Amino acid sequence: RVYENQENMTMQTILRDALDKLGLARPQGVRAFSVLSDISDTVIHEDIEPYFMRRATPTATYHDLRRPVGDGLSPGQWGYDPAGDVTKLSEPLTLDGILERKRSSMDPTDPRAKKVELGYSDLHNLPMLLIVTEKARMGD
C-alpha cells in the first residue's frame, strides 16, 4: 500500500520493467506474474497486462485460472463456476471469459451493463502484485 497515485504508477512501471530485465517475461507478452497498480479510477480489464486478459483459443497464449487438484477419485482442472462455487471445469477459465460472462448476465438495456468490471475476487489464482493507493476501491 502506498499513499500517492504517482508513487503507485511509478512502482508499477519499475516492477514491470524488472520482470523484463530478470527474464520473467517473454516476447509474446507472457509474464511470470502480473503487476497491477490500483488507484481509485483503475479499470482492471483495461489496465492489466494483455496476456492475463486473453481469450482462450487454440492458437493464443493465455493464462488459465484453473488449477489442477486431485483427490484420487476425480483429478482435473478446478476453478470457480458462475455461482462462485469451486467445481471441475472442462474449459479454460480466463479473465476475459469471466468479464464476458458478467456482461452477458446483464440486461443490455440496463445502463450498468456498460460498466461491468472485474473485481478483486475475479483475480483468484492469478499470480500478481497488486499495488493499492490508500484504500483503493471501497468494498473490494
Protein backbone atom coordinates (compact mmCIF):
# COMPACT_ATOMS: atom_id res chain seq x y z
CA ARG A 1 0.00 0.00 0.00
CA VAL A 2 1.28 3.41 -0.98
CA TYR A 3 -0.08 6.88 -0.29
CA GLU A 4 0.23 8.76 -3.60
CA ASN A 5 -1.16 7.79 -7.01
CA GLN A 6 2.01 8.85 -8.81
CA GLU A 7 4.11 6.70 -6.48
CA ASN A 8 1.79 3.80 -7.23
CA MET A 9 2.12 4.18 -11.02
CA THR A 10 5.91 4.55 -10.74
CA MET A 11 6.15 1.31 -8.76
CA GLN A 12 4.09 -0.48 -11.41
CA THR A 13 6.39 0.73 -14.20
CA ILE A 14 9.55 -0.20 -12.31
CA LEU A 15 8.28 -3.67 -11.38
CA ARG A 16 7.04 -4.43 -14.91
CA ASP A 17 10.43 -3.35 -16.31
CA ALA A 18 12.17 -5.55 -13.71
CA LEU A 19 10.20 -8.57 -14.96
CA ASP A 20 11.61 -7.96 -18.43
CA LYS A 21 15.17 -7.43 -17.22
CA LEU A 22 15.11 -10.51 -14.98
CA GLY A 23 13.89 -12.71 -17.81
CA LEU A 24 10.47 -13.28 -16.24
CA ALA A 25 8.65 -12.03 -19.34
CA ARG A 26 8.69 -13.41 -22.88
CA PRO A 27 8.26 -11.53 -26.17
CA GLN A 28 4.67 -12.84 -26.63
CA GLY A 29 3.67 -10.91 -23.51
CA VAL A 30 3.74 -13.99 -21.28
CA ARG A 31 4.76 -12.99 -17.76
CA ALA A 32 5.55 -14.91 -14.59
CA PHE A 33 3.07 -12.69 -12.74
CA SER A 34 1.04 -9.54 -13.20
CA VAL A 35 1.86 -6.18 -11.68
CA LEU A 36 -1.24 -4.03 -11.34
CA SER A 37 -1.49 -0.54 -9.93
CA ASP A 38 -4.94 0.01 -8.44
CA ILE A 39 -5.88 3.60 -7.83
CA SER A 40 -9.46 4.78 -7.40
CA ASP A 41 -10.18 5.01 -11.14
CA THR A 42 -8.41 1.80 -12.25
CA VAL A 43 -10.42 -0.47 -14.53
CA ILE A 44 -8.79 -3.88 -14.09
CA HIS A 45 -9.62 -5.30 -17.53
CA GLU A 46 -8.16 -2.20 -19.22
CA ASP A 47 -5.05 -1.85 -17.07
CA ILE A 48 -3.89 -5.43 -16.50
CA GLU A 49 -1.27 -6.81 -18.89
CA PRO A 50 -2.90 -8.16 -22.11
CA TYR A 51 -1.57 -11.70 -21.60
CA PHE A 52 -3.72 -12.09 -18.49
CA MET A 53 -6.86 -10.90 -20.31
CA ARG A 54 -6.58 -13.03 -23.47
CA ARG A 55 -9.43 -15.26 -24.55
CA ALA A 56 -8.65 -18.96 -24.61
CA THR A 57 -8.22 -20.10 -28.21
CA PRO A 58 -6.21 -22.97 -29.68
CA THR A 59 -3.67 -20.56 -31.20
CA ALA A 60 -3.43 -17.95 -28.42
CA THR A 61 -1.12 -17.95 -25.44
CA TYR A 62 -3.35 -17.24 -22.45
CA HIS A 63 -3.38 -17.58 -18.66
CA ASP A 64 -5.72 -20.33 -17.44
CA LEU A 65 -7.09 -19.56 -13.96
CA ARG A 66 -7.98 -23.22 -13.30
CA ARG A 67 -5.70 -25.20 -11.02
CA PRO A 68 -5.04 -28.94 -11.00
CA VAL A 69 -6.49 -30.62 -7.95
CA GLY A 70 -6.61 -34.33 -7.40
CA ASP A 71 -8.46 -36.17 -4.68
CA GLY A 72 -7.54 -39.56 -6.08
CA LEU A 73 -11.02 -40.10 -7.49
CA SER A 74 -11.51 -37.18 -9.86
CA PRO A 75 -8.29 -35.38 -10.79
CA GLY A 76 -8.73 -32.45 -13.13
CA GLN A 77 -8.69 -28.71 -13.57
CA TRP A 78 -10.72 -26.83 -10.98
CA GLY A 79 -11.92 -23.25 -10.65
CA TYR A 80 -14.92 -21.12 -9.77
CA ASP A 81 -18.21 -21.58 -11.64
CA PRO A 82 -20.61 -18.64 -12.33
CA ALA A 83 -22.21 -19.12 -8.90
CA GLY A 84 -18.83 -18.79 -7.17
CA ASP A 85 -18.58 -22.46 -6.21
CA VAL A 86 -15.42 -24.49 -6.72
CA THR A 87 -16.07 -27.06 -9.41
CA LYS A 88 -14.35 -29.12 -12.08
CA LEU A 89 -14.17 -27.06 -15.28
CA SER A 90 -13.72 -28.60 -18.72
CA GLU A 91 -12.98 -25.32 -20.50
CA PRO A 92 -10.14 -22.90 -19.69
CA LEU A 93 -11.04 -20.10 -17.29
CA THR A 94 -9.69 -16.67 -18.29
CA LEU A 95 -10.29 -13.12 -17.09
CA ASP A 96 -11.76 -12.30 -20.50
CA GLY A 97 -14.19 -15.20 -20.10
CA ILE A 98 -15.20 -14.04 -16.61
CA LEU A 99 -15.79 -10.49 -17.88
CA GLU A 100 -17.82 -11.77 -20.85
CA ARG A 101 -19.92 -13.96 -18.55
CA LYS A 102 -20.63 -10.96 -16.30
CA ARG A 103 -21.63 -8.82 -19.28
CA SER A 104 -23.88 -11.49 -20.78
CA SER A 105 -25.70 -11.91 -17.47
CA MET A 106 -26.79 -8.25 -17.56
CA ASP A 107 -29.75 -6.88 -19.46
CA PRO A 108 -28.23 -4.91 -22.39
CA THR A 109 -30.73 -2.10 -21.84
CA ASP A 110 -29.55 -1.66 -18.25
CA PRO A 111 -27.16 1.35 -18.13
CA ARG A 112 -25.00 -0.53 -15.62
CA ALA A 113 -24.24 -3.23 -18.23
CA LYS A 114 -21.61 -0.98 -19.87
CA LYS A 115 -19.85 -0.50 -16.54
CA VAL A 116 -19.36 -4.19 -15.71
CA GLU A 117 -15.86 -4.66 -14.34
CA LEU A 118 -13.63 -7.30 -12.87
CA GLY A 119 -13.26 -7.20 -9.10
CA TYR A 120 -10.59 -8.49 -6.77
CA SER A 121 -12.46 -11.79 -6.32
CA ASP A 122 -12.14 -12.44 -10.08
CA LEU A 123 -8.36 -12.38 -9.74
CA HIS A 124 -8.32 -15.64 -7.75
CA ASN A 125 -5.45 -17.91 -8.91
CA LEU A 126 -3.82 -15.06 -10.83
CA PRO A 127 -0.18 -14.62 -9.80
CA MET A 128 0.20 -10.92 -9.19
CA LEU A 129 1.50 -8.00 -7.21
CA LEU A 130 -1.36 -5.59 -6.55
CA ILE A 131 -0.30 -2.09 -5.55
CA VAL A 132 -3.06 -0.03 -3.95
CA THR A 133 -3.18 3.65 -3.05
CA GLU A 134 -4.71 4.32 0.35
CA LYS A 135 -7.87 2.19 0.39
CA ALA A 136 -8.26 1.99 -3.43
CA ARG A 137 -11.68 0.52 -4.15
CA MET A 138 -14.02 0.69 -1.24
CA GLY A 139 -15.77 -2.62 -0.75
CA ASP A 140 -13.32 -4.80 -2.73
